C-alpha atoms as a PDB file:
ATOM      1  CA  MET A   1      -3.364  -4.082  17.063  1.00  0.00           C
ATOM      2  CA  LYS A   2      -6.369  -2.596  17.314  1.00  0.00           C
ATOM      3  CA  PHE A   3      -6.908   0.445  13.993  1.00  0.00           C
ATOM      4  CA  ILE A   4      -8.293   2.740  17.123  1.00  0.00           C
ATOM      5  CA  GLU A   5      -4.465   2.373  18.442  1.00  0.00           C
ATOM      6  CA  PHE A   6      -2.925   2.551  14.614  1.00  0.00           C
ATOM      7  CA  LYS A   7      -4.475   5.771  13.749  1.00  0.00           C
ATOM      8  CA  LYS A   8      -3.598   6.927  17.947  1.00  0.00           C
ATOM      9  CA  LEU A   9       0.073   6.116  16.873  1.00  0.00           C
ATOM     10  CA  LEU A  10      -0.793   8.356  13.423  1.00  0.00           C
ATOM     11  CA  LEU A  11      -2.097  11.147  15.358  1.00  0.00           C
ATOM     12  CA  ASP A  12       1.389  11.476  17.446  1.00  0.00           C
ATOM     13  CA  ALA A  13       3.430  11.191  14.940  1.00  0.00           C
ATOM     14  CA  GLU A  14       0.962  13.852  13.630  1.00  0.00           C
ATOM     15  CA  ILE A  15       0.926  12.258  10.144  1.00  0.00           C
ATOM     16  CA  SER A  16      -3.073  11.663   8.202  1.00  0.00           C
ATOM     17  CA  LEU A  17      -4.004   7.726   6.832  1.00  0.00           C
ATOM     18  CA  PRO A  18      -3.197   9.270   3.555  1.00  0.00           C
ATOM     19  CA  LYS A  19      -0.020  10.478   3.956  1.00  0.00           C
ATOM     20  CA  PHE A  20       0.942   7.383   5.799  1.00  0.00           C
ATOM     21  CA  SER A  21       0.396   4.859   2.994  1.00  0.00           C
ATOM     22  CA  TYR A  22       2.233   7.356   0.976  1.00  0.00           C
ATOM     23  CA  LEU A  23       4.910   7.227   2.264  1.00  0.00           C
ATOM     24  CA  ILE A  24       5.686   4.034   3.410  1.00  0.00           C
ATOM     25  CA  LYS A  25       4.134   3.425  -0.698  1.00  0.00           C
ATOM     26  CA  VAL A  26       1.118   1.173   0.173  1.00  0.00           C
ATOM     27  CA  SER A  27      -1.962   1.387  -1.230  1.00  0.00           C
ATOM     28  CA  ASP A  28      -4.513   3.700   0.607  1.00  0.00           C
ATOM     29  CA  LYS A  29      -7.259   1.214   0.452  1.00  0.00           C
ATOM     30  CA  ASN A  30      -5.103  -1.515   1.539  1.00  0.00           C
ATOM     31  CA  ILE A  31      -4.706   0.444   4.704  1.00  0.00           C
ATOM     32  CA  GLN A  32      -8.204   1.983   5.075  1.00  0.00           C
ATOM     33  CA  SER A  33      -9.198  -2.332   4.229  1.00  0.00           C
ATOM     34  CA  TYR A  34      -8.120  -3.044   7.650  1.00  0.00           C
ATOM     35  CA  LYS A  35     -10.200  -0.379   9.425  1.00  0.00           C
ATOM     36  CA  LYS A  36     -12.500  -2.966   8.543  1.00  0.00           C
ATOM     37  CA  LYS A  37     -11.110  -5.435   9.603  1.00  0.00           C
ATOM     38  CA  GLY A  38     -10.516  -3.674  12.981  1.00  0.00           C
ATOM     39  CA  GLU A  39      -6.907  -5.582  13.013  1.00  0.00           C
ATOM     40  CA  VAL A  40      -4.417  -4.421  11.785  1.00  0.00           C
ATOM     41  CA  PRO A  41      -0.661  -6.313  11.241  1.00  0.00           C
ATOM     42  CA  ASN A  42       2.190  -5.884  12.601  1.00  0.00           C
ATOM     43  CA  ALA A  43       4.786  -4.914  10.225  1.00  0.00           C
ATOM     44  CA  VAL A  44       2.018  -1.572   9.424  1.00  0.00           C
ATOM     45  CA  ALA A  45       1.569  -1.171  13.275  1.00  0.00           C
ATOM     46  CA  SER A  46       5.605  -1.279  13.805  1.00  0.00           C
ATOM     47  CA  VAL A  47       6.247   1.830  11.471  1.00  0.00           C
ATOM     48  CA  ALA A  48       3.793   3.453  12.652  1.00  0.00           C
ATOM     49  CA  ALA A  49       4.729   2.891  16.668  1.00  0.00           C
ATOM     50  CA  CYS A  50       7.937   3.776  15.107  1.00  0.00           C
ATOM     51  CA  PHE A  51       7.180   6.976  13.858  1.00  0.00           C
ATOM     52  CA  ALA A  52       5.523   8.361  16.394  1.00  0.00           C
ATOM     53  CA  ARG A  53       8.220   7.296  18.865  1.00  0.00           C
ATOM     54  CA  LEU A  54      11.281   9.334  16.758  1.00  0.00           C
ATOM     55  CA  HIS A  55       8.503  12.400  16.217  1.00  0.00           C
ATOM     56  CA  GLN A  56       8.875  13.254  19.957  1.00  0.00           C
ATOM     57  CA  GLU A  57      12.261  12.037  20.200  1.00  0.00           C
ATOM     58  CA  ASN A  58      12.212  15.094  17.360  1.00  0.00           C
ATOM     59  CA  ILE A  59      13.412  13.085  14.433  1.00  0.00           C
ATOM     60  CA  ASP A  60      12.481  13.469  10.491  1.00  0.00           C
ATOM     61  CA  TYR A  61      11.124  10.230  10.157  1.00  0.00           C
ATOM     62  CA  ARG A  62       9.627  11.556   6.540  1.00  0.00           C
ATOM     63  CA  GLU A  63      13.203  12.221   5.773  1.00  0.00           C
ATOM     64  CA  LEU A  64      14.819   9.026   7.087  1.00  0.00           C
ATOM     65  CA  ILE A  65      11.932   6.785   5.016  1.00  0.00           C
ATOM     66  CA  SER A  66      12.631   9.596   1.998  1.00  0.00           C
ATOM     67  CA  GLU A  67      16.368   8.373   1.671  1.00  0.00           C
ATOM     68  CA  LEU A  68      14.917   4.211   1.858  1.00  0.00           C
ATOM     69  CA  ASN A  69      13.990   5.041  -1.911  1.00  0.00           C
ATOM     70  CA  LEU A  70      10.930   2.965  -2.143  1.00  0.00           C
ATOM     71  CA  GLU A  71       8.773   1.538  -5.279  1.00  0.00           C
ATOM     72  CA  LYS A  72       5.976   0.653  -4.812  1.00  0.00           C
ATOM     73  CA  LYS A  73       4.031  -2.662  -5.818  1.00  0.00           C
ATOM     74  CA  THR A  74       2.285  -3.770  -8.195  1.00  0.00           C
ATOM     75  CA  LYS A  75      -0.183  -5.981  -9.017  1.00  0.00           C
ATOM     76  CA  LYS A  76       1.086  -8.921 -10.956  1.00  0.00           C
ATOM     77  CA  GLY A  77      -0.555 -11.360 -12.663  1.00  0.00           C
ATOM     78  CA  ALA A  78      -2.493 -12.853 -15.200  1.00  0.00           C
ATOM     79  CA  GLY A  79      -5.922 -11.064 -13.521  1.00  0.00           C
ATOM     80  CA  PHE A  80      -4.296  -7.517 -13.176  1.00  0.00           C
ATOM     81  CA  ALA A  81      -2.288  -7.663 -16.324  1.00  0.00           C
ATOM     82  CA  LYS A  82      -3.703  -4.637 -18.796  1.00  0.00           C
ATOM     83  CA  LYS A  83      -6.445  -5.868 -20.855  1.00  0.00           C
ATOM     84  CA  GLN A  84      -4.723  -5.665 -24.359  1.00  0.00           C
ATOM     85  CA  ARG A  85      -7.735  -5.326 -27.181  1.00  0.00           C
ATOM     86  CA  ARG A  86      -7.570  -8.919 -28.933  1.00  0.00           C
ATOM     87  CA  GLN A  87      -8.467  -8.607 -33.369  1.00  0.00           C
ATOM     88  CA  LYS A  88     -10.594 -11.298 -33.679  1.00  0.00           C
ATOM     89  CA  PRO A  89      -9.165 -13.411 -35.193  1.00  0.00           C
ATOM     90  CA  THR A  90     -10.372 -14.080 -39.026  1.00  0.00           C
ATOM     91  CA  LYS A  91     -11.884 -17.431 -39.937  1.00  0.00           C
ATOM     92  CA  THR A  92     -10.211 -19.350 -42.299  1.00  0.00           C
ATOM     93  CA  LYS A  93     -11.979 -22.838 -43.786  1.00  0.00           C
ATOM     94  CA  PRO A  94     -11.260 -26.322 -42.890  1.00  0.00           C
ATOM     95  CA  ASP A  95      -8.893 -27.493 -44.727  1.00  0.00           C
ATOM     96  CA  ILE A  96     -11.012 -31.007 -46.679  1.00  0.00           C
ATOM     97  CA  SER A  97      -8.004 -32.771 -48.271  1.00  0.00           C
END
C-alpha cells in the first residue's frame, strides 16, 4: 500500500500517526520511515484498514487494542545494549620467570 493511502486510512479512523504508532506499540520513527520508502508493510496497512472500518461501524478500536496489553519491543544485541563504563584494566608486569 502506498503511504498516502495509509494516511487516508488513518484520517478515516480519526487517529494521528504518532497516536497510531503508540497504540500499536511500534516506534514512531519506524512508521515515519515508511513515508520515505513510499510503501507501508502489509501488516501495518491491514491494521490501519481495520481501524478505519471499526471507526466507521462506531466500534471503539482503541479499547480493543488496549485490552491486548501489547508491549513495545526493544532492540537487543551487543550493538544496542546500553554502554557501560568499563574500568581500565590495571597494567600488570609480565611474569618473566
